[in-house]
């Protein structure tokens, strides 16, 4: 599996394989497991998904750090990848973490579909 390098590539691949709704469902499932009140509609536009996810991650980092760490644990985002990011700019960090979350969720959906 070649993991997409940009948000646009990820969404494009998800649409091509008709797995975009499954990606949104997986996000909803893991956010529910982490007790974070965020429920994406299955028909959400990719730009809205990106914006809402980024905003949510930013708020978690700023206001509920333990919930943020729990979410990363539940989704299984690589600790090394998060540590490798520049933490000086919280806005940029939250955007990059949101993409790491999406990439990990995409891996889960892709593997479930293929195996």
PDB file of N, CA and C in Angstrom:
ATOM      1  N   UNK A   1       0.832  -1.193   0.000  1.00  0.00           N
ATOM      2  CA  UNK A   1       0.000   0.000   0.000  1.00  0.00           C
ATOM      3  C   UNK A   1       0.870   1.247   0.000  1.00  0.00           C
ATOM      4  N   UNK A   2       0.594   2.126  -0.936  1.00  0.00           N
ATOM      5  CA  UNK A   2       1.272   3.419  -1.012  1.00  0.00           C
ATOM      6  C   UNK A   2       0.404   4.439  -0.273  1.00  0.00           C
ATOM      7  N   UNK A   3       0.902   4.962   0.845  1.00  0.00           N
ATOM      8  CA  UNK A   3       0.130   5.916   1.629  1.00  0.00           C
ATOM      9  C   UNK A   3       0.170   7.279   0.943  1.00  0.00           C
ATOM     10  N   UNK A   4      -0.997   7.898   0.748  1.00  0.00           N
ATOM     11  CA  UNK A   4      -1.040   9.217   0.102  1.00  0.00           C
ATOM     12  C   UNK A   4      -0.224  10.252   0.874  1.00  0.00           C
ATOM     13  N   UNK A   5       0.374  11.180   0.129  1.00  0.00           N
ATOM     14  CA  UNK A   5       1.241  12.184   0.759  1.00  0.00           C
ATOM     15  C   UNK A   5       0.540  13.516   0.985  1.00  0.00           C
ATOM     16  N   UNK A   6      -0.617  13.711   0.379  1.00  0.00           N
ATOM     17  CA  UNK A   6      -1.374  14.943   0.606  1.00  0.00           C
ATOM     18  C   UNK A   6      -2.833  14.599   0.882  1.00  0.00           C
ATOM     19  N   UNK A   7      -3.522  15.540   1.475  1.00  0.00           N
ATOM     20  CA  UNK A   7      -4.939  15.363   1.764  1.00  0.00           C
ATOM     21  C   UNK A   7      -5.723  15.118   0.475  1.00  0.00           C
ATOM     22  N   UNK A   8      -5.392  15.896  -0.553  1.00  0.00           N
ATOM     23  CA  UNK A   8      -6.093  15.778  -1.832  1.00  0.00           C
ATOM     24  C   UNK A   8      -5.905  14.387  -2.439  1.00  0.00           C
ATOM     25  N   UNK A   9      -4.680  13.867  -2.392  1.00  0.00           N
ATOM     26  CA  UNK A   9      -4.413  12.522  -2.918  1.00  0.00           C
ATOM     27  C   UNK A   9      -5.191  11.462  -2.141  1.00  0.00           C
ATOM     28  N   UNK A  10      -5.242  11.627  -0.829  1.00  0.00           N
ATOM     29  CA  UNK A  10      -5.957  10.671   0.014  1.00  0.00           C
ATOM     30  C   UNK A  10      -7.442  10.646  -0.344  1.00  0.00           C
ATOM     31  N   UNK A  11      -8.049  11.813  -0.450  1.00  0.00           N
ATOM     32  CA  UNK A  11      -9.473  11.902  -0.770  1.00  0.00           C
ATOM     33  C   UNK A  11      -9.740  11.374  -2.176  1.00  0.00           C
ATOM     34  N   UNK A  12      -8.865  11.707  -3.107  1.00  0.00           N
ATOM     35  CA  UNK A  12      -9.027  11.234  -4.479  1.00  0.00           C
ATOM     36  C   UNK A  12      -8.993   9.704  -4.542  1.00  0.00           C
ATOM     37  N   UNK A  13      -8.022   9.114  -3.843  1.00  0.00           N
ATOM     38  CA  UNK A  13      -7.918   7.648  -3.819  1.00  0.00           C
ATOM     39  C   UNK A  13      -9.143   7.022  -3.142  1.00  0.00           C
ATOM     40  N   UNK A  14      -9.605   7.640  -2.061  1.00  0.00           N
ATOM     41  CA  UNK A  14     -10.785   7.131  -1.360  1.00  0.00           C
ATOM     42  C   UNK A  14     -12.009   7.164  -2.269  1.00  0.00           C
ATOM     43  N   UNK A  15     -12.151   8.240  -3.034  1.00  0.00           N
ATOM     44  CA  UNK A  15     -13.289   8.332  -3.960  1.00  0.00           C
ATOM     45  C   UNK A  15     -13.153   7.319  -5.099  1.00  0.00           C
ATOM     46  N   UNK A  16     -11.952   7.157  -5.629  1.00  0.00           N
ATOM     47  CA  UNK A  16     -11.733   6.212  -6.724  1.00  0.00           C
ATOM     48  C   UNK A  16     -12.096   4.784  -6.310  1.00  0.00           C
ATOM     49  N   UNK A  17     -11.734   4.427  -5.080  1.00  0.00           N
ATOM     50  CA  UNK A  17     -12.011   3.081  -4.591  1.00  0.00           C
ATOM     51  C   UNK A  17     -13.392   2.980  -3.927  1.00  0.00           C
ATOM     52  N   UNK A  18     -14.127   4.074  -3.967  1.00  0.00           N
ATOM     53  CA  UNK A  18     -15.462   4.165  -3.369  1.00  0.00           C
ATOM     54  C   UNK A  18     -15.429   3.816  -1.880  1.00  0.00           C
ATOM     55  N   UNK A  19     -14.428   4.351  -1.199  1.00  0.00           N
ATOM     56  CA  UNK A  19     -14.265   4.083   0.232  1.00  0.00           C
ATOM     57  C   UNK A  19     -14.346   5.351   1.089  1.00  0.00           C
ATOM     58  N   UNK A  20     -14.736   6.461   0.480  1.00  0.00           N
ATOM     59  CA  UNK A  20     -14.776   7.722   1.236  1.00  0.00           C
ATOM     60  C   UNK A  20     -15.753   7.635   2.411  1.00  0.00           C
ATOM     61  N   UNK A  21     -16.946   7.066   2.175  1.00  0.00           N
ATOM     62  CA  UNK A  21     -17.930   6.943   3.258  1.00  0.00           C
ATOM     63  C   UNK A  21     -17.399   6.047   4.371  1.00  0.00           C
ATOM     64  N   UNK A  22     -16.686   4.993   4.000  1.00  0.00           N
ATOM     65  CA  UNK A  22     -16.109   4.093   5.012  1.00  0.00           C
ATOM     66  C   UNK A  22     -15.039   4.823   5.831  1.00  0.00           C
ATOM     67  N   UNK A  23     -14.289   5.709   5.181  1.00  0.00           N
ATOM     68  CA  UNK A  23     -13.293   6.517   5.883  1.00  0.00           C
ATOM     69  C   UNK A  23     -13.978   7.404   6.928  1.00  0.00           C
ATOM     70  N   UNK A  24     -15.053   8.049   6.536  1.00  0.00           N
ATOM     71  CA  UNK A  24     -15.806   8.905   7.463  1.00  0.00           C
ATOM     72  C   UNK A  24     -16.393   8.064   8.601  1.00  0.00           C
ATOM     73  N   UNK A  25     -16.915   6.888   8.278  1.00  0.00           N
ATOM     74  CA  UNK A  25     -17.467   5.997   9.309  1.00  0.00           C
ATOM     75  C   UNK A  25     -16.383   5.567  10.302  1.00  0.00           C
ATOM     76  N   UNK A  26     -15.191   5.277   9.795  1.00  0.00           N
ATOM     77  CA  UNK A  26     -14.078   4.871  10.661  1.00  0.00           C
ATOM     78  C   UNK A  26     -13.678   6.019  11.589  1.00  0.00           C
ATOM     79  N   UNK A  27     -13.645   7.221  11.050  1.00  0.00           N
ATOM     80  CA  UNK A  27     -13.351   8.405  11.876  1.00  0.00           C
ATOM     81  C   UNK A  27     -14.394   8.536  12.988  1.00  0.00           C
ATOM     82  N   UNK A  28     -15.658   8.422  12.613  1.00  0.00           N
ATOM     83  CA  UNK A  28     -16.731   8.538  13.608  1.00  0.00           C
ATOM     84  C   UNK A  28     -16.612   7.462  14.681  1.00  0.00           C
ATOM     85  N   UNK A  29     -16.304   6.255  14.264  1.00  0.00           N
ATOM     86  CA  UNK A  29     -16.172   5.134  15.200  1.00  0.00           C
ATOM     87  C   UNK A  29     -15.052   5.399  16.220  1.00  0.00           C
ATOM     88  N   UNK A  30     -13.893   5.840  15.725  1.00  0.00           N
ATOM     89  CA  UNK A  30     -12.762   6.061  16.630  1.00  0.00           C
ATOM     90  C   UNK A  30     -12.951   7.294  17.515  1.00  0.00           C
ATOM     91  N   UNK A  31     -13.606   8.326  16.992  1.00  0.00           N
ATOM     92  CA  UNK A  31     -13.888   9.495  17.831  1.00  0.00           C
ATOM     93  C   UNK A  31     -14.876   9.119  18.934  1.00  0.00           C
ATOM     94  N   UNK A  32     -15.842   8.270  18.613  1.00  0.00           N
ATOM     95  CA  UNK A  32     -16.791   7.801  19.614  1.00  0.00           C
ATOM     96  C   UNK A  32     -16.076   6.980  20.688  1.00  0.00           C
ATOM     97  N   UNK A  33     -15.161   6.098  20.271  1.00  0.00           N
ATOM     98  CA  UNK A  33     -14.380   5.307  21.229  1.00  0.00           C
ATOM     99  C   UNK A  33     -13.551   6.187  22.167  1.00  0.00           C
ATOM    100  N   UNK A  34     -13.107   7.329  21.641  1.00  0.00           N
ATOM    101  CA  UNK A  34     -12.288   8.250  22.439  1.00  0.00           C
ATOM    102  C   UNK A  34     -13.146   9.231  23.250  1.00  0.00           C
ATOM    103  N   UNK A  35     -14.476   9.039  23.201  1.00  0.00           N
ATOM    104  CA  UNK A  35     -15.414   9.916  23.917  1.00  0.00           C
ATOM    105  C   UNK A  35     -15.288  11.380  23.506  1.00  0.00           C
ATOM    106  N   UNK A  36     -15.062  11.603  22.227  1.00  0.00           N
ATOM    107  CA  UNK A  36     -14.991  12.968  21.703  1.00  0.00           C
ATOM    108  C   UNK A  36     -16.254  13.201  20.883  1.00  0.00           C
ATOM    109  N   UNK A  37     -16.951  14.258  21.248  1.00  0.00           N
ATOM    110  CA  UNK A  37     -18.252  14.543  20.640  1.00  0.00           C
ATOM    111  C   UNK A  37     -18.063  15.181  19.262  1.00  0.00           C
ATOM    112  N   UNK A  38     -17.875  14.325  18.285  1.00  0.00           N
ATOM    113  CA  UNK A  38     -17.735  14.789  16.909  1.00  0.00           C
ATOM    114  C   UNK A  38     -18.279  13.687  16.018  1.00  0.00           C
ATOM    115  N   UNK A  39     -19.259  14.032  15.229  1.00  0.00           N
ATOM    116  CA  UNK A  39     -19.879  13.039  14.364  1.00  0.00           C
ATOM    117  C   UNK A  39     -20.001  13.635  12.968  1.00  0.00           C
ATOM    118  N   UNK A  40     -19.168  13.150  12.055  1.00  0.00           N
ATOM    119  CA  UNK A  40     -19.205  13.636  10.679  1.00  0.00           C
ATOM    120  C   UNK A  40     -20.370  12.975   9.940  1.00  0.00           C
ATOM    121  N   UNK A  41     -21.071  13.747   9.141  1.00  0.00           N
ATOM    122  CA  UNK A  41     -22.105  13.178   8.278  1.00  0.00           C
ATOM    123  C   UNK A  41     -21.399  12.420   7.160  1.00  0.00           C
ATOM    124  N   UNK A  42     -21.954  11.297   6.731  1.00  0.00           N
ATOM    125  CA  UNK A  42     -21.292  10.462   5.723  1.00  0.00           C
ATOM    126  C   UNK A  42     -21.087  11.170   4.396  1.00  0.00           C
ATOM    127  N   UNK A  43     -21.912  12.165   4.098  1.00  0.00           N
ATOM    128  CA  UNK A  43     -21.799  12.889   2.833  1.00  0.00           C
ATOM    129  C   UNK A  43     -21.033  14.203   2.974  1.00  0.00           C
ATOM    130  N   UNK A  44     -20.265  14.347   4.045  1.00  0.00           N
ATOM    131  CA  UNK A  44     -19.525  15.580   4.274  1.00  0.00           C
ATOM    132  C   UNK A  44     -18.531  15.816   3.128  1.00  0.00           C
ATOM    133  N   UNK A  45     -18.418  17.058   2.718  1.00  0.00           N
ATOM    134  CA  UNK A  45     -17.455  17.400   1.675  1.00  0.00           C
ATOM    135  C   UNK A  45     -16.042  17.246   2.225  1.00  0.00           C
ATOM    136  N   UNK A  46     -15.110  16.808   1.409  1.00  0.00           N
ATOM    137  CA  UNK A  46     -13.731  16.639   1.872  1.00  0.00           C
ATOM    138  C   UNK A  46     -13.130  17.901   2.490  1.00  0.00           C
ATOM    139  N   UNK A  47     -13.435  19.061   1.922  1.00  0.00           N
ATOM    140  CA  UNK A  47     -12.895  20.303   2.484  1.00  0.00           C
ATOM    141  C   UNK A  47     -13.458  20.560   3.879  1.00  0.00           C
ATOM    142  N   UNK A  48     -14.744  20.267   4.069  1.00  0.00           N
ATOM    143  CA  UNK A  48     -15.365  20.435   5.389  1.00  0.00           C
ATOM    144  C   UNK A  48     -14.793  19.431   6.389  1.00  0.00           C
ATOM    145  N   UNK A  49     -14.568  18.214   5.923  1.00  0.00           N
ATOM    146  CA  UNK A  49     -13.973  17.184   6.777  1.00  0.00           C
ATOM    147  C   UNK A  49     -12.603  17.635   7.265  1.00  0.00           C
ATOM    148  N   UNK A  50     -11.799  18.113   6.340  1.00  0.00           N
ATOM    149  CA  UNK A  50     -10.446  18.576   6.679  1.00  0.00           C
ATOM    150  C   UNK A  50     -10.511  19.722   7.683  1.00  0.00           C
ATOM    151  N   UNK A  51     -11.375  20.692   7.432  1.00  0.00           N
ATOM    152  CA  UNK A  51     -11.500  21.858   8.296  1.00  0.00           C
ATOM    153  C   UNK A  51     -11.985  21.475   9.697  1.00  0.00           C
ATOM    154  N   UNK A  52     -13.041  20.658   9.776  1.00  0.00           N
ATOM    155  CA  UNK A  52     -13.582  20.242  11.077  1.00  0.00           C
ATOM    156  C   UNK A  52     -12.585  19.406  11.874  1.00  0.00           C
ATOM    157  N   UNK A  53     -11.902  18.502  11.180  1.00  0.00           N
ATOM    158  CA  UNK A  53     -10.921  17.661  11.860  1.00  0.00           C
ATOM    159  C   UNK A  53      -9.772  18.515  12.392  1.00  0.00           C
ATOM    160  N   UNK A  54      -9.289  19.434  11.574  1.00  0.00           N
ATOM    161  CA  UNK A  54      -8.207  20.327  11.981  1.00  0.00           C
ATOM    162  C   UNK A  54      -8.636  21.161  13.191  1.00  0.00           C
ATOM    163  N   UNK A  55      -9.822  21.727  13.117  1.00  0.00           N
ATOM    164  CA  UNK A  55     -10.337  22.560  14.204  1.00  0.00           C
ATOM    165  C   UNK A  55     -10.470  21.755  15.500  1.00  0.00           C
ATOM    166  N   UNK A  56     -10.969  20.529  15.382  1.00  0.00           N
ATOM    167  CA  UNK A  56     -11.154  19.676  16.556  1.00  0.00           C
ATOM    168  C   UNK A  56      -9.821  19.307  17.192  1.00  0.00           C
ATOM    169  N   UNK A  57      -8.850  18.932  16.365  1.00  0.00           N
ATOM    170  CA  UNK A  57      -7.521  18.579  16.882  1.00  0.00           C
ATOM    171  C   UNK A  57      -6.899  19.788  17.570  1.00  0.00           C
ATOM    172  N   UNK A  58      -7.042  20.964  16.972  1.00  0.00           N
ATOM    173  CA  UNK A  58      -6.500  22.196  17.557  1.00  0.00           C
ATOM    174  C   UNK A  58      -7.103  22.448  18.942  1.00  0.00           C
ATOM    175  N   UNK A  59      -8.434  22.330  19.041  1.00  0.00           N
ATOM    176  CA  UNK A  59      -9.103  22.552  20.328  1.00  0.00           C
ATOM    177  C   UNK A  59      -8.668  21.517  21.362  1.00  0.00           C
ATOM    178  N   UNK A  60      -8.507  20.267  20.931  1.00  0.00           N
ATOM    179  CA  UNK A  60      -8.070  19.222  21.854  1.00  0.00           C
ATOM    180  C   UNK A  60      -6.669  19.514  22.387  1.00  0.00           C
ATOM    181  N   UNK A  61      -5.775  19.930  21.511  1.00  0.00           N
ATOM    182  CA  UNK A  61      -4.404  20.246  21.936  1.00  0.00           C
ATOM    183  C   UNK A  61      -4.423  21.408  22.928  1.00  0.00           C
ATOM    184  N   UNK A  62      -5.223  22.423  22.636  1.00  0.00           N
ATOM    185  CA  UNK A  62      -5.265  23.629  23.468  1.00  0.00           C
ATOM    186  C   UNK A  62      -5.979  23.410  24.805  1.00  0.00           C
ATOM    187  N   UNK A  63      -7.108  22.674  24.770  1.00  0.00           N
ATOM    188  CA  UNK A  63      -7.983  22.643  25.935  1.00  0.00           C
ATOM    189  C   UNK A  63      -8.092  21.290  26.631  1.00  0.00           C
ATOM    190  N   UNK A  64      -7.926  20.196  25.878  1.00  0.00           N
ATOM    191  CA  UNK A  64      -8.129  18.862  26.451  1.00  0.00           C
ATOM    192  C   UNK A  64      -7.012  17.936  25.989  1.00  0.00           C
ATOM    193  N   UNK A  65      -5.822  18.187  26.488  1.00  0.00           N
ATOM    194  CA  UNK A  65      -4.649  17.477  25.992  1.00  0.00           C
ATOM    195  C   UNK A  65      -4.709  15.975  26.263  1.00  0.00           C
ATOM    196  N   UNK A  66      -5.231  15.575  27.410  1.00  0.00           N
ATOM    197  CA  UNK A  66      -5.289  14.134  27.704  1.00  0.00           C
ATOM    198  C   UNK A  66      -6.252  13.425  26.750  1.00  0.00           C
ATOM    199  N   UNK A  67      -7.363  14.084  26.383  1.00  0.00           N
ATOM    200  CA  UNK A  67      -8.285  13.507  25.404  1.00  0.00           C
ATOM    201  C   UNK A  67      -7.622  13.410  24.025  1.00  0.00           C
ATOM    202  N   UNK A  68      -6.817  14.408  23.709  1.00  0.00           N
ATOM    203  CA  UNK A  68      -6.059  14.406  22.453  1.00  0.00           C
ATOM    204  C   UNK A  68      -5.121  13.198  22.401  1.00  0.00           C
ATOM    205  N   UNK A  69      -4.383  12.974  23.480  1.00  0.00           N
ATOM    206  CA  UNK A  69      -3.465  11.835  23.530  1.00  0.00           C
ATOM    207  C   UNK A  69      -4.226  10.511  23.461  1.00  0.00           C
ATOM    208  N   UNK A  70      -5.366  10.446  24.127  1.00  0.00           N
ATOM    209  CA  UNK A  70      -6.199   9.249  24.088  1.00  0.00           C
ATOM    210  C   UNK A  70      -6.687   8.978  22.663  1.00  0.00           C
ATOM    211  N   UNK A  71      -7.086  10.028  21.961  1.00  0.00           N
ATOM    212  CA  UNK A  71      -7.541   9.884  20.570  1.00  0.00           C
ATOM    213  C   UNK A  71      -6.418   9.320  19.695  1.00  0.00           C
ATOM    214  N   UNK A  72      -5.223   9.877  19.843  1.00  0.00           N
ATOM    215  CA  UNK A  72      -4.090   9.386  19.047  1.00  0.00           C
ATOM    216  C   UNK A  72      -3.803   7.922  19.360  1.00  0.00           C
ATOM    217  N   UNK A  73      -3.954   7.542  20.613  1.00  0.00           N
ATOM    218  CA  UNK A  73      -3.736   6.155  21.018  1.00  0.00           C
ATOM    219  C   UNK A  73      -4.787   5.227  20.397  1.00  0.00           C
ATOM    220  N   UNK A  74      -6.052   5.642  20.467  1.00  0.00           N
ATOM    221  CA  UNK A  74      -7.143   4.821  19.936  1.00  0.00           C
ATOM    222  C   UNK A  74      -7.028   4.661  18.421  1.00  0.00           C
ATOM    223  N   UNK A  75      -6.690   5.755  17.752  1.00  0.00           N
ATOM    224  CA  UNK A  75      -6.555   5.692  16.293  1.00  0.00           C
ATOM    225  C   UNK A  75      -5.269   4.969  15.908  1.00  0.00           C
ATOM    226  N   UNK A  76      -4.305   4.956  16.809  1.00  0.00           N
ATOM    227  CA  UNK A  76      -3.023   4.287  16.588  1.00  0.00           C
ATOM    228  C   UNK A  76      -2.119   5.093  15.651  1.00  0.00           C
ATOM    229  N   UNK A  77      -2.060   6.396  15.922  1.00  0.00           N
ATOM    230  CA  UNK A  77      -1.148   7.270  15.182  1.00  0.00           C
ATOM    231  C   UNK A  77       0.247   7.057  15.765  1.00  0.00           C
ATOM    232  N   UNK A  78       1.222   6.912  14.892  1.00  0.00           N
ATOM    233  CA  UNK A  78       2.590   6.648  15.318  1.00  0.00           C
ATOM    234  C   UNK A  78       3.134   7.775  16.205  1.00  0.00           C
ATOM    235  N   UNK A  79       3.569   7.402  17.394  1.00  0.00           N
ATOM    236  CA  UNK A  79       4.132   8.378  18.325  1.00  0.00           C
ATOM    237  C   UNK A  79       5.370   9.045  17.729  1.00  0.00           C
ATOM    238  N   UNK A  80       6.172   8.275  17.025  1.00  0.00           N
ATOM    239  CA  UNK A  80       7.381   8.832  16.412  1.00  0.00           C
ATOM    240  C   UNK A  80       7.060   9.890  15.366  1.00  0.00           C
ATOM    241  N   UNK A  81       6.000   9.659  14.600  1.00  0.00           N
ATOM    242  CA  UNK A  81       5.604  10.642  13.582  1.00  0.00           C
ATOM    243  C   UNK A  81       5.121  11.932  14.226  1.00  0.00           C
ATOM    244  N   UNK A  82       4.397  11.816  15.325  1.00  0.00           N
ATOM    245  CA  UNK A  82       3.908  13.008  16.021  1.00  0.00           C
ATOM    246  C   UNK A  82       5.077  13.756  16.648  1.00  0.00           C
ATOM    247  N   UNK A  83       6.000  13.029  17.248  1.00  0.00           N
ATOM    248  CA  UNK A  83       7.173  13.661  17.870  1.00  0.00           C
ATOM    249  C   UNK A  83       8.069  14.348  16.838  1.00  0.00           C
ATOM    250  N   UNK A  84       8.054  13.849  15.608  1.00  0.00           N
ATOM    251  CA  UNK A  84       8.895  14.419  14.559  1.00  0.00           C
ATOM    252  C   UNK A  84       8.361  15.764  14.056  1.00  0.00           C
ATOM    253  N   UNK A  85       7.107  16.088  14.381  1.00  0.00           N
ATOM    254  CA  UNK A  85       6.518  17.343  13.933  1.00  0.00           C
ATOM    255  C   UNK A  85       7.019  18.507  14.778  1.00  0.00           C
ATOM    256  N   UNK A  86       7.005  19.692  14.192  1.00  0.00           N
ATOM    257  CA  UNK A  86       7.425  20.907  14.893  1.00  0.00           C
ATOM    258  C   UNK A  86       6.277  21.386  15.772  1.00  0.00           C
ATOM    259  N   UNK A  87       6.486  21.407  17.070  1.00  0.00           N
ATOM    260  CA  UNK A  87       5.432  21.776  18.006  1.00  0.00           C
ATOM    261  C   UNK A  87       5.388  23.244  18.363  1.00  0.00           C
ATOM    262  N   UNK A  88       6.198  24.083  17.707  1.00  0.00           N
ATOM    263  CA  UNK A  88       6.235  25.505  18.048  1.00  0.00           C
ATOM    264  C   UNK A  88       4.988  26.257  17.611  1.00  0.00           C
ATOM    265  N   UNK A  89       4.404  25.851  16.501  1.00  0.00           N
ATOM    266  CA  UNK A  89       3.196  26.490  15.992  1.00  0.00           C
ATOM    267  C   UNK A  89       2.036  25.512  16.138  1.00  0.00           C
ATOM    268  N   UNK A  90       1.174  25.739  17.122  1.00  0.00           N
ATOM    269  CA  UNK A  90       0.092  24.805  17.431  1.00  0.00           C
ATOM    270  C   UNK A  90      -0.883  24.655  16.268  1.00  0.00           C
ATOM    271  N   UNK A  91      -1.118  25.743  15.549  1.00  0.00           N
ATOM    272  CA  UNK A  91      -2.042  25.687  14.413  1.00  0.00           C
ATOM    273  C   UNK A  91      -1.499  24.763  13.328  1.00  0.00           C
ATOM    274  N   UNK A  92      -0.232  24.909  13.006  1.00  0.00           N
ATOM    275  CA  UNK A  92       0.399  24.057  11.988  1.00  0.00           C
ATOM    276  C   UNK A  92       0.485  22.615  12.492  1.00  0.00           C
ATOM    277  N   UNK A  93       0.847  22.456  13.758  1.00  0.00           N
ATOM    278  CA  UNK A  93       0.931  21.123  14.359  1.00  0.00           C
ATOM    279  C   UNK A  93      -0.410  20.406  14.274  1.00  0.00           C
ATOM    280  N   UNK A  94      -1.489  21.097  14.626  1.00  0.00           N
ATOM    281  CA  UNK A  94      -2.813  20.466  14.606  1.00  0.00           C
ATOM    282  C   UNK A  94      -3.214  20.074  13.189  1.00  0.00           C
ATOM    283  N   UNK A  95      -2.822  20.867  12.202  1.00  0.00           N
ATOM    284  CA  UNK A  95      -3.113  20.523  10.809  1.00  0.00           C
ATOM    285  C   UNK A  95      -2.367  19.253  10.394  1.00  0.00           C
ATOM    286  N   UNK A  96      -1.100  19.161  10.781  1.00  0.00           N
ATOM    287  CA  UNK A  96      -0.292  17.988  10.436  1.00  0.00           C
ATOM    288  C   UNK A  96      -0.777  16.741  11.170  1.00  0.00           C
ATOM    289  N   UNK A  97      -1.170  16.894  12.424  1.00  0.00           N
ATOM    290  CA  UNK A  97      -1.693  15.759  13.194  1.00  0.00           C
ATOM    291  C   UNK A  97      -3.028  15.300  12.610  1.00  0.00           C
ATOM    292  N   UNK A  98      -3.860  16.245  12.188  1.00  0.00           N
ATOM    293  CA  UNK A  98      -5.135  15.888  11.558  1.00  0.00           C
ATOM    294  C   UNK A  98      -4.879  15.038  10.310  1.00  0.00           C
ATOM    295  N   UNK A  99      -3.845  15.387   9.547  1.00  0.00           N
ATOM    296  CA  UNK A  99      -3.523  14.595   8.359  1.00  0.00           C
ATOM    297  C   UNK A  99      -2.979  13.217   8.751  1.00  0.00           C
ATOM    298  N   UNK A 100      -2.180  13.146   9.810  1.00  0.00           N
ATOM    299  CA  UNK A 100      -1.696  11.841  10.298  1.00  0.00           C
ATOM    300  C   UNK A 100      -2.880  10.962  10.717  1.00  0.00           C
ATOM    301  N   UNK A 101      -3.866  11.569  11.357  1.00  0.00           N
ATOM    302  CA  UNK A 101      -5.067  10.834  11.765  1.00  0.00           C
ATOM    303  C   UNK A 101      -5.782  10.293  10.532  1.00  0.00           C
ATOM    304  N   UNK A 102      -5.970  11.159   9.546  1.00  0.00           N
ATOM    305  CA  UNK A 102      -6.640  10.727   8.323  1.00  0.00           C
ATOM    306  C   UNK A 102      -5.872   9.617   7.613  1.00  0.00           C
ATOM    307  N   UNK A 103      -4.543   9.746   7.564  1.00  0.00           N
ATOM    308  CA  UNK A 103      -3.742   8.708   6.908  1.00  0.00           C
ATOM    309  C   UNK A 103      -3.890   7.374   7.616  1.00  0.00           C
ATOM    310  N   UNK A 104      -3.871   7.387   8.946  1.00  0.00           N
ATOM    311  CA  UNK A 104      -3.987   6.138   9.704  1.00  0.00           C
ATOM    312  C   UNK A 104      -5.371   5.526   9.524  1.00  0.00           C
ATOM    313  N   UNK A 105      -6.392   6.363   9.549  1.00  0.00           N
ATOM    314  CA  UNK A 105      -7.750   5.868   9.336  1.00  0.00           C
ATOM    315  C   UNK A 105      -7.883   5.305   7.921  1.00  0.00           C
ATOM    316  N   UNK A 106      -7.255   5.954   6.951  1.00  0.00           N
ATOM    317  CA  UNK A 106      -7.290   5.481   5.572  1.00  0.00           C
ATOM    318  C   UNK A 106      -6.632   4.103   5.464  1.00  0.00           C
ATOM    319  N   UNK A 107      -5.522   3.915   6.168  1.00  0.00           N
ATOM    320  CA  UNK A 107      -4.850   2.609   6.154  1.00  0.00           C
ATOM    321  C   UNK A 107      -5.803   1.523   6.666  1.00  0.00           C
ATOM    322  N   UNK A 108      -6.494   1.815   7.761  1.00  0.00           N
ATOM    323  CA  UNK A 108      -7.431   0.844   8.331  1.00  0.00           C
ATOM    324  C   UNK A 108      -8.513   0.481   7.325  1.00  0.00           C
ATOM    325  N   UNK A 109      -9.112   1.491   6.700  1.00  0.00           N
ATOM    326  CA  UNK A 109     -10.199   1.266   5.746  1.00  0.00           C
ATOM    327  C   UNK A 109      -9.687   0.504   4.530  1.00  0.00           C
ATOM    328  N   UNK A 110      -8.534   0.894   4.029  1.00  0.00           N
ATOM    329  CA  UNK A 110      -7.965   0.258   2.840  1.00  0.00           C
ATOM    330  C   UNK A 110      -7.683  -1.229   3.113  1.00  0.00           C
ATOM    331  N   UNK A 111      -7.061  -1.518   4.262  1.00  0.00           N
ATOM    332  CA  UNK A 111      -6.759  -2.914   4.602  1.00  0.00           C
ATOM    333  C   UNK A 111      -8.020  -3.750   4.801  1.00  0.00           C
ATOM    334  N   UNK A 112      -9.020  -3.189   5.465  1.00  0.00           N
ATOM    335  CA  UNK A 112     -10.280  -3.922   5.662  1.00  0.00           C
ATOM    336  C   UNK A 112     -10.933  -4.235   4.310  1.00  0.00           C
ATOM    337  N   UNK A 113     -10.817  -3.320   3.379  1.00  0.00           N
ATOM    338  CA  UNK A 113     -11.422  -3.505   2.066  1.00  0.00           C
ATOM    339  C   UNK A 113     -10.664  -4.551   1.236  1.00  0.00           C
ATOM    340  N   UNK A 114      -9.353  -4.596   1.382  1.00  0.00           N
ATOM    341  CA  UNK A 114      -8.533  -5.491   0.562  1.00  0.00           C
ATOM    342  C   UNK A 114      -8.341  -6.883   1.142  1.00  0.00           C
ATOM    343  N   UNK A 115      -8.546  -7.036   2.461  1.00  0.00           N
ATOM    344  CA  UNK A 115      -8.274  -8.355   3.063  1.00  0.00           C
ATOM    345  C   UNK A 115      -9.438  -8.897   3.844  1.00  0.00           C
TER     346      UNK A 115
END
